[in-house]
Amino acid sequence: MTEAATPDVKSTRFRAVDGALIAMMILPILALIVLKVLFTPAADGVQIAGAMIYAEFEAPVMPVIITESQINTWAVMISILGLCLYLTHGLTAKAVCRRQLIAEWIVEKCQGLVNSNMGDYFSAWAPFIAAIMALSAFSSLICLFGLFSPTGDVNVTFGWALLVFFLIMYYKFRGGLWNYFIGLFKPIPVFAPMNLIGEFSTPISMAFRHYGNVLSGAVISALIGSALSGLSKSLLGWLPGFLGDIPFLRIGLPAVLSIYFDVFSGVMQAFIFAMLTMLNVSGAVPWEEWAARREKRKKLKEKLSKSAA
């Protein structure tokens, strides 16, 4: 009896964990929708604003502000974590379910993308690049539910770009601080100010490119939707009863525009941000100077070991 009941118990536990992981994916988005409904004030006409402020706390240096961008970002990360755990739940040596095939396909594509653009030396970067693309894409796609996209906040995208900038500088310093300083004066010393500006323009351009494309799509969609509502009221307002208040002209076209501005553009910007990250980081390594420093350290270590012997 016990042996026969064991598989059913395992299957029940497996389904229970699956249900919990599915809830982990869905509940954060539902919570964001509830917050949006509760905190959004009633307004007429076109409303194009930034992230709402949910709370503000006094602090010694400056107030701590909890914004819609922060809450939405954490909710998206929790949903992505639930999706990853769901796809990898019950992994086996040989794929026997569709979710494992999807997980293996995602890992294979991300690993191939990193290896082809960054080289085998950066093969361990695949999880980081996959995380960047997933967070950026899902942050843009939540606007399909009427939620504020964190990528429409320049503070969020600049934070991501700043992290990438620190990684770029880390690899540039691999060739030595002096070599990096000398490189600013190449090909001629007069180019030093422009080279220095170019170093700091990388995170700024990455942040504003991502932010600008997402925000512009949201603004255009809102303006077109408002214009269609006004046009519908002007042309069809004569209809009797509540029919005159229905914006018939808004049916169809905003949904088609959403496919481009929210889906295609959001996913494309996530891919572009990941590609810029890979190219800037991999291109920052001064391979010749780094190899020379390693060889010099190796010879110094051998010399010290011989003198100690």
Protein backbone atom coordinates (compact mmCIF):
# COMPACT_ATOMS: atom_id res chain seq x y z
CA MET A 1 0.00 0.00 0.00
CA THR A 2 2.77 2.39 0.93
CA GLU A 3 4.83 1.72 -2.21
CA ALA A 4 1.77 2.06 -4.44
CA ALA A 5 0.80 5.36 -2.83
CA THR A 6 4.25 6.91 -3.11
CA PRO A 7 3.99 8.03 -6.78
CA ASP A 8 0.63 9.70 -6.13
CA VAL A 9 2.07 11.59 -3.18
CA LYS A 10 5.00 12.76 -5.30
CA SER A 11 2.68 13.76 -8.11
CA THR A 12 0.48 15.71 -5.71
CA ARG A 13 3.48 17.51 -4.25
CA PHE A 14 4.78 18.24 -7.73
CA ARG A 15 1.49 19.78 -8.80
CA ALA A 16 1.28 21.74 -5.55
CA VAL A 17 4.73 23.25 -6.17
CA ASP A 18 3.73 24.01 -9.75
CA GLY A 19 0.65 25.82 -8.50
CA ALA A 20 2.71 27.84 -6.05
CA LEU A 21 5.17 28.84 -8.79
CA ILE A 22 2.36 29.83 -11.15
CA ALA A 23 0.90 31.95 -8.36
CA MET A 24 4.35 33.47 -7.87
CA MET A 25 4.25 34.57 -11.51
CA ILE A 26 0.70 35.93 -11.54
CA LEU A 27 0.09 37.41 -8.08
CA PRO A 28 2.74 40.19 -8.29
CA ILE A 29 1.16 41.50 -11.50
CA LEU A 30 -2.32 41.33 -9.97
CA ALA A 31 -1.02 43.21 -6.93
CA LEU A 32 0.36 45.93 -9.21
CA ILE A 33 -3.02 46.27 -10.93
CA VAL A 34 -4.73 46.67 -7.55
CA LEU A 35 -2.20 49.31 -6.49
CA LYS A 36 -2.69 51.11 -9.78
CA VAL A 37 -6.46 51.23 -9.29
CA LEU A 38 -6.23 52.36 -5.67
CA PHE A 39 -3.61 55.08 -6.10
CA THR A 40 -4.45 56.51 -9.53
CA PRO A 41 -6.59 59.65 -9.15
CA ALA A 42 -9.57 60.17 -11.42
CA ALA A 43 -8.79 62.53 -14.29
CA ASP A 44 -10.19 63.61 -17.63
CA GLY A 45 -8.33 63.90 -20.91
CA VAL A 46 -4.80 62.84 -21.68
CA GLN A 47 -2.69 62.06 -18.64
CA ILE A 48 1.02 61.51 -19.35
CA ALA A 49 2.97 61.44 -16.11
CA GLY A 50 5.92 59.69 -14.58
CA ALA A 51 5.95 57.07 -11.88
CA MET A 52 3.59 57.62 -8.95
CA ILE A 53 5.02 58.10 -5.46
CA TYR A 54 3.56 55.51 -3.10
CA ALA A 55 5.36 56.53 0.09
CA GLU A 56 7.99 58.93 1.40
CA PHE A 57 10.04 58.53 4.56
CA GLU A 58 12.29 61.04 6.26
CA ALA A 59 15.99 60.16 6.39
CA PRO A 60 19.11 61.96 7.70
CA VAL A 61 20.53 62.86 4.28
CA MET A 62 17.47 62.93 2.03
CA PRO A 63 13.93 61.53 2.00
CA VAL A 64 13.50 57.90 1.00
CA ILE A 65 10.90 57.76 -1.75
CA ILE A 66 9.08 54.58 -2.78
CA THR A 67 7.94 55.01 -6.37
CA GLU A 68 5.90 53.02 -8.83
CA SER A 69 9.07 52.18 -10.77
CA GLN A 70 10.66 50.48 -7.77
CA ILE A 71 7.55 48.49 -6.84
CA ASN A 72 6.94 47.42 -10.44
CA THR A 73 10.58 46.39 -10.89
CA TRP A 74 10.49 44.18 -7.81
CA ALA A 75 7.19 42.65 -8.90
CA VAL A 76 8.62 41.89 -12.35
CA MET A 77 11.71 40.29 -10.79
CA ILE A 78 9.54 38.10 -8.56
CA SER A 79 7.46 37.03 -11.57
CA ILE A 80 10.61 36.24 -13.58
CA LEU A 81 11.98 34.22 -10.65
CA GLY A 82 8.72 32.27 -10.51
CA LEU A 83 8.89 31.63 -14.26
CA CYS A 84 12.49 30.39 -14.03
CA LEU A 85 11.67 28.10 -11.10
CA TYR A 86 8.62 26.79 -12.94
CA LEU A 87 10.58 26.00 -16.12
CA THR A 88 13.34 24.24 -14.15
CA HIS A 89 11.08 22.37 -11.72
CA GLY A 90 11.56 18.64 -12.02
CA LEU A 91 14.55 18.66 -14.35
CA THR A 92 15.75 15.27 -15.55
CA ALA A 93 18.84 14.07 -17.40
CA LYS A 94 16.71 13.61 -20.51
CA ALA A 95 13.96 16.10 -21.25
CA VAL A 96 10.57 14.44 -20.81
CA CYS A 97 8.33 17.52 -20.61
CA ARG A 98 7.79 20.60 -22.73
CA ARG A 99 8.85 23.08 -20.06
CA GLN A 100 12.32 21.51 -19.82
CA LEU A 101 12.67 21.74 -23.60
CA ILE A 102 11.78 25.43 -23.41
CA ALA A 103 14.27 25.99 -20.57
CA GLU A 104 17.04 24.18 -22.47
CA TRP A 105 16.26 26.17 -25.63
CA ILE A 106 16.49 29.48 -23.70
CA VAL A 107 19.80 28.49 -22.11
CA GLU A 108 21.20 27.31 -25.43
CA LYS A 109 20.23 30.50 -27.28
CA CYS A 110 21.54 32.82 -24.54
CA GLN A 111 24.81 30.90 -24.30
CA GLY A 112 25.23 30.98 -28.07
CA LEU A 113 24.49 34.71 -28.16
CA VAL A 114 27.12 35.44 -25.51
CA ASN A 115 29.76 33.17 -27.07
CA SER A 116 29.27 34.64 -30.54
CA ASN A 117 29.41 38.28 -29.39
CA MET A 118 31.78 38.19 -26.42
CA GLY A 119 33.97 35.16 -27.02
CA ASP A 120 34.60 32.03 -24.99
CA TYR A 121 36.37 34.00 -22.24
CA PHE A 122 33.03 35.58 -21.27
CA SER A 123 30.97 32.39 -21.55
CA ALA A 124 30.04 32.64 -17.86
CA TRP A 125 28.23 35.91 -18.61
CA ALA A 126 25.22 34.13 -20.14
CA PRO A 127 23.07 34.27 -16.95
CA PHE A 128 23.79 37.99 -16.52
CA ILE A 129 22.89 38.82 -20.13
CA ALA A 130 19.76 36.65 -19.93
CA ALA A 131 18.74 38.47 -16.74
CA ILE A 132 19.20 41.87 -18.41
CA MET A 133 17.07 40.89 -21.40
CA ALA A 134 14.34 39.28 -19.30
CA LEU A 135 14.09 42.16 -16.83
CA SER A 136 14.07 44.77 -19.57
CA ALA A 137 11.58 42.94 -21.80
CA PHE A 138 9.12 42.06 -19.03
CA SER A 139 9.40 45.56 -17.55
CA SER A 140 8.28 46.96 -20.90
CA LEU A 141 5.58 44.35 -21.48
CA ILE A 142 3.69 45.02 -18.23
CA CYS A 143 2.30 48.16 -19.85
CA LEU A 144 -0.01 45.79 -21.74
CA PHE A 145 -1.88 45.51 -18.42
CA GLY A 146 -2.11 49.28 -18.09
CA LEU A 147 0.82 49.39 -15.67
CA PHE A 148 3.69 51.86 -15.63
CA SER A 149 6.77 50.41 -17.30
CA PRO A 150 9.95 50.78 -15.19
CA THR A 151 11.90 51.22 -18.43
CA GLY A 152 9.91 54.43 -18.93
CA ASP A 153 11.74 55.88 -15.91
CA VAL A 154 15.21 57.22 -16.70
CA ASN A 155 16.34 56.51 -13.12
CA VAL A 156 15.86 52.77 -13.72
CA THR A 157 17.59 52.60 -17.09
CA PHE A 158 20.42 54.83 -15.86
CA GLY A 159 20.94 52.51 -12.90
CA TRP A 160 21.30 49.57 -15.30
CA ALA A 161 23.64 51.55 -17.55
CA LEU A 162 25.72 52.64 -14.56
CA LEU A 163 26.20 49.00 -13.55
CA VAL A 164 27.36 48.20 -17.08
CA PHE A 165 29.71 51.22 -16.97
CA PHE A 166 31.39 49.91 -13.79
CA LEU A 167 31.88 46.53 -15.46
CA ILE A 168 33.37 48.21 -18.53
CA MET A 169 35.82 50.20 -16.40
CA TYR A 170 36.76 47.07 -14.42
CA TYR A 171 37.86 45.31 -17.58
CA LYS A 172 39.59 48.39 -18.97
CA PHE A 173 41.71 48.57 -15.82
CA ARG A 174 42.84 44.98 -16.41
CA GLY A 175 45.62 46.38 -18.55
CA GLY A 176 46.83 48.61 -15.74
CA LEU A 177 45.79 52.04 -14.54
CA TRP A 178 48.75 53.73 -16.20
CA ASN A 179 48.05 52.12 -19.56
CA TYR A 180 44.43 53.26 -19.32
CA PHE A 181 45.54 56.81 -18.52
CA ILE A 182 47.98 56.85 -21.44
CA GLY A 183 45.25 55.52 -23.75
CA LEU A 184 43.21 58.67 -23.16
CA PHE A 185 45.88 60.69 -24.99
CA LYS A 186 45.86 58.51 -28.11
CA PRO A 187 46.15 58.95 -31.04
CA ILE A 188 47.28 62.49 -30.16
CA PRO A 189 47.16 64.34 -26.80
CA VAL A 190 44.64 66.89 -28.04
CA PHE A 191 42.03 64.11 -28.17
CA ALA A 192 42.23 63.51 -24.39
CA PRO A 193 39.16 65.66 -23.47
CA MET A 194 37.05 64.00 -26.16
CA ASN A 195 38.21 60.54 -25.12
CA LEU A 196 37.32 61.31 -21.51
CA ILE A 197 33.88 62.55 -22.52
CA GLY A 198 33.45 59.41 -24.61
CA GLU A 199 34.08 57.25 -21.55
CA PHE A 200 31.21 58.83 -19.61
CA SER A 201 28.89 59.11 -22.60
CA THR A 202 28.49 55.33 -22.77
CA PRO A 203 26.14 54.92 -19.78
CA ILE A 204 24.28 58.13 -20.64
CA SER A 205 23.61 57.03 -24.23
CA MET A 206 22.58 53.51 -23.15
CA ALA A 207 20.19 54.86 -20.51
CA PHE A 208 18.52 57.52 -22.64
CA ARG A 209 18.25 55.27 -25.71
CA HIS A 210 16.29 52.67 -23.78
CA TYR A 211 14.25 55.17 -21.79
CA GLY A 212 13.49 57.41 -24.77
CA ASN A 213 12.23 54.64 -27.04
CA VAL A 214 9.92 53.15 -24.40
CA LEU A 215 8.59 56.52 -23.21
CA SER A 216 8.02 57.82 -26.74
CA GLY A 217 5.94 54.75 -27.58
CA ALA A 218 3.78 55.24 -24.50
CA VAL A 219 3.29 58.95 -25.26
CA ILE A 220 2.36 58.30 -28.91
CA SER A 221 -0.10 55.56 -27.93
CA ALA A 222 -1.75 57.83 -25.33
CA LEU A 223 -2.04 60.75 -27.76
CA ILE A 224 -3.50 58.61 -30.54
CA GLY A 225 -5.96 56.98 -28.14
CA SER A 226 -7.11 60.38 -26.85
CA ALA A 227 -7.42 61.77 -30.37
CA LEU A 228 -9.51 58.79 -31.47
CA SER A 229 -11.77 59.22 -28.43
CA GLY A 230 -12.36 62.89 -29.29
CA LEU A 231 -12.95 62.10 -32.94
CA SER A 232 -15.38 59.34 -32.05
CA LYS A 233 -17.33 61.67 -29.77
CA SER A 234 -17.47 64.35 -32.49
CA LEU A 235 -18.60 62.02 -35.27
CA LEU A 236 -20.73 59.53 -33.35
CA GLY A 237 -21.86 61.56 -30.36
CA TRP A 238 -25.32 61.89 -31.92
CA LEU A 239 -26.07 58.23 -31.24
CA PRO A 240 -28.84 57.79 -28.68
CA GLY A 241 -28.20 56.94 -25.03
CA PHE A 242 -24.94 55.47 -23.87
CA LEU A 243 -23.94 54.58 -27.43
CA GLY A 244 -22.81 58.15 -28.01
CA ASP A 245 -20.32 57.86 -25.14
CA ILE A 246 -18.64 54.70 -26.47
CA PRO A 247 -15.35 55.55 -28.29
CA PHE A 248 -15.94 53.25 -31.24
CA LEU A 249 -12.97 54.62 -33.18
CA ARG A 250 -10.60 53.50 -30.41
CA ILE A 251 -11.48 49.88 -31.10
CA GLY A 252 -8.77 48.13 -33.07
CA LEU A 253 -6.13 50.73 -33.92
CA PRO A 254 -4.69 51.21 -30.39
CA ALA A 255 -4.37 47.44 -30.08
CA VAL A 256 -2.44 47.29 -33.36
CA LEU A 257 -0.18 50.14 -32.24
CA SER A 258 0.36 48.36 -28.92
CA ILE A 259 1.76 45.36 -30.79
CA TYR A 260 4.54 47.59 -32.09
CA PHE A 261 5.16 50.10 -29.29
CA ASP A 262 4.67 47.73 -26.36
CA VAL A 263 5.59 44.29 -27.66
CA PHE A 264 7.98 44.64 -30.59
CA SER A 265 9.69 47.85 -29.47
CA GLY A 266 9.97 46.71 -25.84
CA VAL A 267 11.53 43.37 -26.75
CA MET A 268 13.78 45.00 -29.34
CA GLN A 269 15.07 47.57 -26.85
CA ALA A 270 15.83 44.80 -24.38
CA PHE A 271 17.83 42.99 -27.06
CA ILE A 272 19.68 46.19 -28.05
CA PHE A 273 20.57 46.98 -24.43
CA ALA A 274 21.92 43.46 -23.97
CA MET A 275 23.90 43.66 -27.21
CA LEU A 276 25.43 47.01 -26.21
CA THR A 277 26.35 45.52 -22.85
CA MET A 278 28.08 42.55 -24.47
CA LEU A 279 29.94 44.60 -27.08
CA ASN A 280 31.06 47.35 -24.68
CA VAL A 281 32.26 44.94 -21.99
CA SER A 282 34.04 42.53 -24.33
CA GLY A 283 35.58 45.40 -26.29
CA ALA A 284 36.89 47.04 -23.13
CA VAL A 285 39.50 44.38 -22.38
CA PRO A 286 43.03 45.51 -23.44
CA TRP A 287 44.17 42.02 -24.36
CA GLU A 288 47.76 42.91 -25.28
CA GLU A 289 48.42 45.01 -22.16
CA TRP A 290 46.72 42.41 -19.98
CA ALA A 291 48.81 39.61 -21.47
CA ALA A 292 51.97 41.67 -20.95
CA ARG A 293 51.06 42.31 -17.29
CA ARG A 294 50.38 38.62 -16.70
CA GLU A 295 53.67 37.66 -18.28
CA LYS A 296 55.51 40.24 -16.20
CA ARG A 297 53.88 38.97 -13.00
CA LYS A 298 54.71 35.41 -13.94
CA LYS A 299 58.39 36.24 -14.45
CA LEU A 300 58.49 38.20 -11.18
CA LYS A 301 56.95 35.28 -9.31
CA GLU A 302 59.47 32.85 -10.82
CA LYS A 303 62.30 35.21 -9.92
CA LEU A 304 61.11 35.49 -6.32
CA SER A 305 60.72 31.72 -6.00
CA LYS A 306 64.25 31.15 -7.29
CA SER A 307 65.71 33.75 -4.92
CA ALA A 308 63.83 32.20 -1.99
CA ALA A 309 65.17 28.76 -2.91
